[in-house]
Amino acid sequence: MTDTLPSDTLTPLICDFLEWVARAPRTHADVMESWRTSCPRLPVWEEATDNGYVARRGRQVEITARGRAFLENRP
């Protein structure tokens, strides 16, 4: 896990992603299908996992306490 903050460009997308994950159970396949991108400058999944905002639990992807705190502390 890194301690880097997402770029200003990526932060709104990460917030959208975290809110989406928090709303309902999501499988890793659902996440990859819904959030895949061909743009290497918008690595939402990678940033969220690298910063510990989401975690895989078997086939499921869940928002972590750190991810919830990130959402709560956004202006």
PDB file of N, CA and C in Angstrom:
ATOM      1  N   MET A   1       0.849  -1.177   0.000  1.00  0.00           N
ATOM      2  CA  MET A   1       0.000   0.000   0.000  1.00  0.00           C
ATOM      3  C   MET A   1       0.892   1.236   0.000  1.00  0.00           C
ATOM      4  N   THR A   2       0.528   2.210  -0.814  1.00  0.00           N
ATOM      5  CA  THR A   2       1.290   3.446  -0.870  1.00  0.00           C
ATOM      6  C   THR A   2       0.580   4.515  -0.065  1.00  0.00           C
ATOM      7  N   ASP A   3       1.298   5.601   0.185  1.00  0.00           N
ATOM      8  CA  ASP A   3       0.704   6.732   0.880  1.00  0.00           C
ATOM      9  C   ASP A   3       0.526   7.913  -0.059  1.00  0.00           C
ATOM     10  N   THR A   4       0.455   7.648  -1.339  1.00  0.00           N
ATOM     11  CA  THR A   4       0.288   8.725  -2.295  1.00  0.00           C
ATOM     12  C   THR A   4      -1.184   9.076  -2.421  1.00  0.00           C
ATOM     13  N   LEU A   5      -1.432  10.347  -2.641  1.00  0.00           N
ATOM     14  CA  LEU A   5      -2.795  10.785  -2.876  1.00  0.00           C
ATOM     15  C   LEU A   5      -3.047  10.797  -4.369  1.00  0.00           C
ATOM     16  N   PRO A   6      -4.263  10.464  -4.790  1.00  0.00           N
ATOM     17  CA  PRO A   6      -4.566  10.490  -6.215  1.00  0.00           C
ATOM     18  C   PRO A   6      -4.468  11.912  -6.769  1.00  0.00           C
ATOM     19  N   SER A   7      -4.206  12.002  -8.047  1.00  0.00           N
ATOM     20  CA  SER A   7      -4.148  13.311  -8.684  1.00  0.00           C
ATOM     21  C   SER A   7      -5.530  13.948  -8.686  1.00  0.00           C
ATOM     22  N   ASP A   8      -5.560  15.254  -8.864  1.00  0.00           N
ATOM     23  CA  ASP A   8      -6.836  15.961  -8.905  1.00  0.00           C
ATOM     24  C   ASP A   8      -7.733  15.443 -10.027  1.00  0.00           C
ATOM     25  N   THR A   9      -7.141  14.989 -11.110  1.00  0.00           N
ATOM     26  CA  THR A   9      -7.911  14.438 -12.223  1.00  0.00           C
ATOM     27  C   THR A   9      -8.563  13.116 -11.839  1.00  0.00           C
ATOM     28  N   LEU A  10      -7.863  12.324 -11.080  1.00  0.00           N
ATOM     29  CA  LEU A  10      -8.324  10.994 -10.735  1.00  0.00           C
ATOM     30  C   LEU A  10      -9.240  10.960  -9.516  1.00  0.00           C
ATOM     31  N   THR A  11      -9.112  11.919  -8.628  1.00  0.00           N
ATOM     32  CA  THR A  11      -9.884  11.907  -7.380  1.00  0.00           C
ATOM     33  C   THR A  11     -11.394  11.792  -7.588  1.00  0.00           C
ATOM     34  N   PRO A  12     -12.025  12.574  -8.463  1.00  0.00           N
ATOM     35  CA  PRO A  12     -13.478  12.413  -8.651  1.00  0.00           C
ATOM     36  C   PRO A  12     -13.860  11.026  -9.158  1.00  0.00           C
ATOM     37  N   LEU A  13     -13.031  10.448 -10.019  1.00  0.00           N
ATOM     38  CA  LEU A  13     -13.312   9.105 -10.516  1.00  0.00           C
ATOM     39  C   LEU A  13     -13.169   8.063  -9.414  1.00  0.00           C
ATOM     40  N   ILE A  14     -12.169   8.223  -8.569  1.00  0.00           N
ATOM     41  CA  ILE A  14     -11.996   7.293  -7.458  1.00  0.00           C
ATOM     42  C   ILE A  14     -13.177   7.408  -6.501  1.00  0.00           C
ATOM     43  N   CYS A  15     -13.643   8.609  -6.240  1.00  0.00           N
ATOM     44  CA  CYS A  15     -14.816   8.794  -5.383  1.00  0.00           C
ATOM     45  C   CYS A  15     -16.037   8.115  -5.993  1.00  0.00           C
ATOM     46  N   ASP A  16     -16.249   8.288  -7.282  1.00  0.00           N
ATOM     47  CA  ASP A  16     -17.365   7.615  -7.961  1.00  0.00           C
ATOM     48  C   ASP A  16     -17.238   6.098  -7.824  1.00  0.00           C
ATOM     49  N   PHE A  17     -16.035   5.604  -8.044  1.00  0.00           N
ATOM     50  CA  PHE A  17     -15.780   4.173  -7.940  1.00  0.00           C
ATOM     51  C   PHE A  17     -16.070   3.655  -6.528  1.00  0.00           C
ATOM     52  N   LEU A  18     -15.566   4.351  -5.523  1.00  0.00           N
ATOM     53  CA  LEU A  18     -15.775   3.915  -4.140  1.00  0.00           C
ATOM     54  C   LEU A  18     -17.248   3.944  -3.759  1.00  0.00           C
ATOM     55  N   GLU A  19     -17.950   4.971  -4.187  1.00  0.00           N
ATOM     56  CA  GLU A  19     -19.387   5.050  -3.907  1.00  0.00           C
ATOM     57  C   GLU A  19     -20.126   3.897  -4.586  1.00  0.00           C
ATOM     58  N   TRP A  20     -19.733   3.556  -5.810  1.00  0.00           N
ATOM     59  CA  TRP A  20     -20.337   2.458  -6.551  1.00  0.00           C
ATOM     60  C   TRP A  20     -20.097   1.129  -5.835  1.00  0.00           C
ATOM     61  N   VAL A  21     -18.867   0.889  -5.384  1.00  0.00           N
ATOM     62  CA  VAL A  21     -18.536  -0.342  -4.676  1.00  0.00           C
ATOM     63  C   VAL A  21     -19.308  -0.419  -3.356  1.00  0.00           C
ATOM     64  N   ALA A  22     -19.443   0.702  -2.677  1.00  0.00           N
ATOM     65  CA  ALA A  22     -20.101   0.720  -1.368  1.00  0.00           C
ATOM     66  C   ALA A  22     -21.610   0.468  -1.458  1.00  0.00           C
ATOM     67  N   ARG A  23     -22.220   0.777  -2.602  1.00  0.00           N
ATOM     68  CA  ARG A  23     -23.683   0.655  -2.749  1.00  0.00           C
ATOM     69  C   ARG A  23     -24.188  -0.773  -2.746  1.00  0.00           C
ATOM     70  N   ALA A  24     -23.422  -1.710  -3.274  1.00  0.00           N
ATOM     71  CA  ALA A  24     -23.898  -3.086  -3.405  1.00  0.00           C
ATOM     72  C   ALA A  24     -22.698  -4.024  -3.506  1.00  0.00           C
ATOM     73  N   PRO A  25     -22.900  -5.293  -3.176  1.00  0.00           N
ATOM     74  CA  PRO A  25     -21.799  -6.252  -3.351  1.00  0.00           C
ATOM     75  C   PRO A  25     -21.359  -6.290  -4.816  1.00  0.00           C
ATOM     76  N   ARG A  26     -20.051  -6.308  -5.025  1.00  0.00           N
ATOM     77  CA  ARG A  26     -19.493  -6.336  -6.388  1.00  0.00           C
ATOM     78  C   ARG A  26     -18.471  -7.454  -6.485  1.00  0.00           C
ATOM     79  N   THR A  27     -18.545  -8.203  -7.564  1.00  0.00           N
ATOM     80  CA  THR A  27     -17.506  -9.201  -7.801  1.00  0.00           C
ATOM     81  C   THR A  27     -16.352  -8.516  -8.528  1.00  0.00           C
ATOM     82  N   HIS A  28     -15.204  -9.173  -8.476  1.00  0.00           N
ATOM     83  CA  HIS A  28     -14.051  -8.643  -9.199  1.00  0.00           C
ATOM     84  C   HIS A  28     -14.369  -8.555 -10.687  1.00  0.00           C
ATOM     85  N   ALA A  29     -15.090  -9.539 -11.220  1.00  0.00           N
ATOM     86  CA  ALA A  29     -15.472  -9.514 -12.638  1.00  0.00           C
ATOM     87  C   ALA A  29     -16.360  -8.306 -12.942  1.00  0.00           C
ATOM     88  N   ASP A  30     -17.317  -7.985 -12.040  1.00  0.00           N
ATOM     89  CA  ASP A  30     -18.166  -6.796 -12.220  1.00  0.00           C
ATOM     90  C   ASP A  30     -17.319  -5.531 -12.272  1.00  0.00           C
ATOM     91  N   VAL A  31     -16.364  -5.448 -11.359  1.00  0.00           N
ATOM     92  CA  VAL A  31     -15.504  -4.258 -11.289  1.00  0.00           C
ATOM     93  C   VAL A  31     -14.701  -4.113 -12.580  1.00  0.00           C
ATOM     94  N   MET A  32     -14.096  -5.202 -13.018  1.00  0.00           N
ATOM     95  CA  MET A  32     -13.277  -5.138 -14.226  1.00  0.00           C
ATOM     96  C   MET A  32     -14.109  -4.793 -15.455  1.00  0.00           C
ATOM     97  N   GLU A  33     -15.319  -5.312 -15.523  1.00  0.00           N
ATOM     98  CA  GLU A  33     -16.195  -5.023 -16.656  1.00  0.00           C
ATOM     99  C   GLU A  33     -16.647  -3.566 -16.651  1.00  0.00           C
ATOM    100  N   SER A  34     -16.989  -3.055 -15.494  1.00  0.00           N
ATOM    101  CA  SER A  34     -17.553  -1.708 -15.394  1.00  0.00           C
ATOM    102  C   SER A  34     -16.511  -0.602 -15.369  1.00  0.00           C
ATOM    103  N   TRP A  35     -15.322  -0.886 -14.844  1.00  0.00           N
ATOM    104  CA  TRP A  35     -14.323   0.163 -14.648  1.00  0.00           C
ATOM    105  C   TRP A  35     -13.061  -0.026 -15.469  1.00  0.00           C
ATOM    106  N   ARG A  36     -13.092  -0.885 -16.466  1.00  0.00           N
ATOM    107  CA  ARG A  36     -11.889  -1.041 -17.291  1.00  0.00           C
ATOM    108  C   ARG A  36     -11.704   0.200 -18.157  1.00  0.00           C
ATOM    109  N   THR A  37     -10.464   0.462 -18.487  1.00  0.00           N
ATOM    110  CA  THR A  37     -10.144   1.601 -19.333  1.00  0.00           C
ATOM    111  C   THR A  37      -8.920   1.267 -20.164  1.00  0.00           C
ATOM    112  N   SER A  38      -8.845   1.867 -21.300  1.00  0.00           N
ATOM    113  CA  SER A  38      -7.650   1.684 -22.123  1.00  0.00           C
ATOM    114  C   SER A  38      -6.683   2.848 -21.934  1.00  0.00           C
ATOM    115  N   CYS A  39      -7.045   3.773 -21.058  1.00  0.00           N
ATOM    116  CA  CYS A  39      -6.202   4.946 -20.829  1.00  0.00           C
ATOM    117  C   CYS A  39      -5.296   4.715 -19.624  1.00  0.00           C
ATOM    118  N   PRO A  40      -4.000   4.605 -19.843  1.00  0.00           N
ATOM    119  CA  PRO A  40      -3.095   4.355 -18.715  1.00  0.00           C
ATOM    120  C   PRO A  40      -2.999   5.531 -17.755  1.00  0.00           C
ATOM    121  N   ARG A  41      -3.531   6.680 -18.121  1.00  0.00           N
ATOM    122  CA  ARG A  41      -3.485   7.842 -17.233  1.00  0.00           C
ATOM    123  C   ARG A  41      -4.671   7.880 -16.268  1.00  0.00           C
ATOM    124  N   LEU A  42      -5.607   6.963 -16.413  1.00  0.00           N
ATOM    125  CA  LEU A  42      -6.777   6.927 -15.528  1.00  0.00           C
ATOM    126  C   LEU A  42      -6.908   5.552 -14.867  1.00  0.00           C
ATOM    127  N   PRO A  43      -5.946   5.181 -14.054  1.00  0.00           N
ATOM    128  CA  PRO A  43      -5.953   3.847 -13.441  1.00  0.00           C
ATOM    129  C   PRO A  43      -6.764   3.818 -12.136  1.00  0.00           C
ATOM    130  N   VAL A  44      -8.066   3.947 -12.240  1.00  0.00           N
ATOM    131  CA  VAL A  44      -8.919   4.061 -11.053  1.00  0.00           C
ATOM    132  C   VAL A  44      -8.771   2.836 -10.154  1.00  0.00           C
ATOM    133  N   TRP A  45      -8.920   1.643 -10.720  1.00  0.00           N
ATOM    134  CA  TRP A  45      -8.807   0.424  -9.931  1.00  0.00           C
ATOM    135  C   TRP A  45      -7.439   0.330  -9.260  1.00  0.00           C
ATOM    136  N   GLU A  46      -6.379   0.587 -10.018  1.00  0.00           N
ATOM    137  CA  GLU A  46      -5.030   0.465  -9.481  1.00  0.00           C
ATOM    138  C   GLU A  46      -4.793   1.456  -8.345  1.00  0.00           C
ATOM    139  N   GLU A  47      -5.201   2.696  -8.530  1.00  0.00           N
ATOM    140  CA  GLU A  47      -5.024   3.707  -7.479  1.00  0.00           C
ATOM    141  C   GLU A  47      -5.820   3.343  -6.231  1.00  0.00           C
ATOM    142  N   ALA A  48      -7.062   2.894  -6.428  1.00  0.00           N
ATOM    143  CA  ALA A  48      -7.905   2.543  -5.281  1.00  0.00           C
ATOM    144  C   ALA A  48      -7.315   1.369  -4.499  1.00  0.00           C
ATOM    145  N   THR A  49      -6.806   0.362  -5.201  1.00  0.00           N
ATOM    146  CA  THR A  49      -6.226  -0.778  -4.491  1.00  0.00           C
ATOM    147  C   THR A  49      -4.868  -0.436  -3.901  1.00  0.00           C
ATOM    148  N   ASP A  50      -4.035   0.292  -4.642  1.00  0.00           N
ATOM    149  CA  ASP A  50      -2.713   0.664  -4.131  1.00  0.00           C
ATOM    150  C   ASP A  50      -2.807   1.510  -2.866  1.00  0.00           C
ATOM    151  N   ASN A  51      -3.842   2.330  -2.767  1.00  0.00           N
ATOM    152  CA  ASN A  51      -4.005   3.190  -1.599  1.00  0.00           C
ATOM    153  C   ASN A  51      -4.843   2.544  -0.497  1.00  0.00           C
ATOM    154  N   GLY A  52      -5.255   1.297  -0.703  1.00  0.00           N
ATOM    155  CA  GLY A  52      -5.979   0.570   0.328  1.00  0.00           C
ATOM    156  C   GLY A  52      -7.422   0.999   0.491  1.00  0.00           C
ATOM    157  N   TYR A  53      -8.013   1.589  -0.543  1.00  0.00           N
ATOM    158  CA  TYR A  53      -9.408   2.041  -0.476  1.00  0.00           C
ATOM    159  C   TYR A  53     -10.396   0.904  -0.734  1.00  0.00           C
ATOM    160  N   VAL A  54      -9.969  -0.111  -1.457  1.00  0.00           N
ATOM    161  CA  VAL A  54     -10.772  -1.296  -1.708  1.00  0.00           C
ATOM    162  C   VAL A  54      -9.880  -2.516  -1.520  1.00  0.00           C
ATOM    163  N   ALA A  55     -10.529  -3.654  -1.287  1.00  0.00           N
ATOM    164  CA  ALA A  55      -9.789  -4.908  -1.136  1.00  0.00           C
ATOM    165  C   ALA A  55     -10.618  -6.045  -1.703  1.00  0.00           C
ATOM    166  N   ARG A  56      -9.931  -7.032  -2.238  1.00  0.00           N
ATOM    167  CA  ARG A  56     -10.604  -8.252  -2.693  1.00  0.00           C
ATOM    168  C   ARG A  56     -10.738  -9.193  -1.523  1.00  0.00           C
ATOM    169  N   ARG A  57     -11.913  -9.749  -1.374  1.00  0.00           N
ATOM    170  CA  ARG A  57     -12.196 -10.777  -0.375  1.00  0.00           C
ATOM    171  C   ARG A  57     -12.780 -11.955  -1.149  1.00  0.00           C
ATOM    172  N   GLY A  58     -11.907 -12.850  -1.581  1.00  0.00           N
ATOM    173  CA  GLY A  58     -12.349 -13.924  -2.467  1.00  0.00           C
ATOM    174  C   GLY A  58     -12.722 -13.330  -3.815  1.00  0.00           C
ATOM    175  N   ARG A  59     -13.958 -13.570  -4.253  1.00  0.00           N
ATOM    176  CA  ARG A  59     -14.427 -13.016  -5.535  1.00  0.00           C
ATOM    177  C   ARG A  59     -14.980 -11.612  -5.385  1.00  0.00           C
ATOM    178  N   GLN A  60     -15.224 -11.183  -4.161  1.00  0.00           N
ATOM    179  CA  GLN A  60     -15.848  -9.886  -3.914  1.00  0.00           C
ATOM    180  C   GLN A  60     -14.808  -8.765  -3.786  1.00  0.00           C
ATOM    181  N   VAL A  61     -15.234  -7.570  -4.148  1.00  0.00           N
ATOM    182  CA  VAL A  61     -14.443  -6.360  -3.929  1.00  0.00           C
ATOM    183  C   VAL A  61     -15.229  -5.517  -2.942  1.00  0.00           C
ATOM    184  N   GLU A  62     -14.559  -5.072  -1.873  1.00  0.00           N
ATOM    185  CA  GLU A  62     -15.217  -4.307  -0.829  1.00  0.00           C
ATOM    186  C   GLU A  62     -14.467  -3.009  -0.566  1.00  0.00           C
ATOM    187  N   ILE A  63     -15.213  -1.989  -0.191  1.00  0.00           N
ATOM    188  CA  ILE A  63     -14.585  -0.750   0.245  1.00  0.00           C
ATOM    189  C   ILE A  63     -14.035  -0.983   1.655  1.00  0.00           C
ATOM    190  N   THR A  64     -12.870  -0.449   1.923  1.00  0.00           N
ATOM    191  CA  THR A  64     -12.233  -0.626   3.227  1.00  0.00           C
ATOM    192  C   THR A  64     -12.550   0.575   4.127  1.00  0.00           C
ATOM    193  N   ALA A  65     -12.162   0.467   5.375  1.00  0.00           N
ATOM    194  CA  ALA A  65     -12.319   1.595   6.298  1.00  0.00           C
ATOM    195  C   ALA A  65     -11.542   2.808   5.778  1.00  0.00           C
ATOM    196  N   ARG A  66     -10.382   2.556   5.214  1.00  0.00           N
ATOM    197  CA  ARG A  66      -9.589   3.652   4.640  1.00  0.00           C
ATOM    198  C   ARG A  66     -10.314   4.304   3.468  1.00  0.00           C
ATOM    199  N   GLY A  67     -10.988   3.496   2.646  1.00  0.00           N
ATOM    200  CA  GLY A  67     -11.766   4.033   1.528  1.00  0.00           C
ATOM    201  C   GLY A  67     -12.939   4.865   2.010  1.00  0.00           C
ATOM    202  N   ARG A  68     -13.629   4.391   3.047  1.00  0.00           N
ATOM    203  CA  ARG A  68     -14.747   5.161   3.615  1.00  0.00           C
ATOM    204  C   ARG A  68     -14.254   6.487   4.191  1.00  0.00           C
ATOM    205  N   ALA A  69     -13.112   6.443   4.860  1.00  0.00           N
ATOM    206  CA  ALA A  69     -12.537   7.679   5.423  1.00  0.00           C
ATOM    207  C   ALA A  69     -12.162   8.654   4.306  1.00  0.00           C
ATOM    208  N   PHE A  70     -11.610   8.129   3.207  1.00  0.00           N
ATOM    209  CA  PHE A  70     -11.266   8.978   2.065  1.00  0.00           C
ATOM    210  C   PHE A  70     -12.517   9.697   1.543  1.00  0.00           C
ATOM    211  N   LEU A  71     -13.619   8.952   1.404  1.00  0.00           N
ATOM    212  CA  LEU A  71     -14.872   9.564   0.930  1.00  0.00           C
ATOM    213  C   LEU A  71     -15.391  10.601   1.913  1.00  0.00           C
ATOM    214  N   GLU A  72     -15.365  10.290   3.186  1.00  0.00           N
ATOM    215  CA  GLU A  72     -15.889  11.196   4.203  1.00  0.00           C
ATOM    216  C   GLU A  72     -15.082  12.487   4.309  1.00  0.00           C
ATOM    217  N   ASN A  73     -13.807  12.422   4.008  1.00  0.00           N
ATOM    218  CA  ASN A  73     -12.939  13.597   4.140  1.00  0.00           C
ATOM    219  C   ASN A  73     -12.823  14.431   2.885  1.00  0.00           C
ATOM    220  N   ARG A  74     -13.558  14.058   1.838  1.00  0.00           N
ATOM    221  CA  ARG A  74     -13.567  14.863   0.609  1.00  0.00           C
ATOM    222  C   ARG A  74     -14.417  16.103   0.825  1.00  0.00           C
ATOM    223  N   PRO A  75     -13.975  17.243   0.334  1.00  0.00           N
ATOM    224  CA  PRO A  75     -14.787  18.468   0.509  1.00  0.00           C
ATOM    225  C   PRO A  75     -16.076  18.439  -0.276  1.00  0.00           C
TER     226      PRO A  75
END
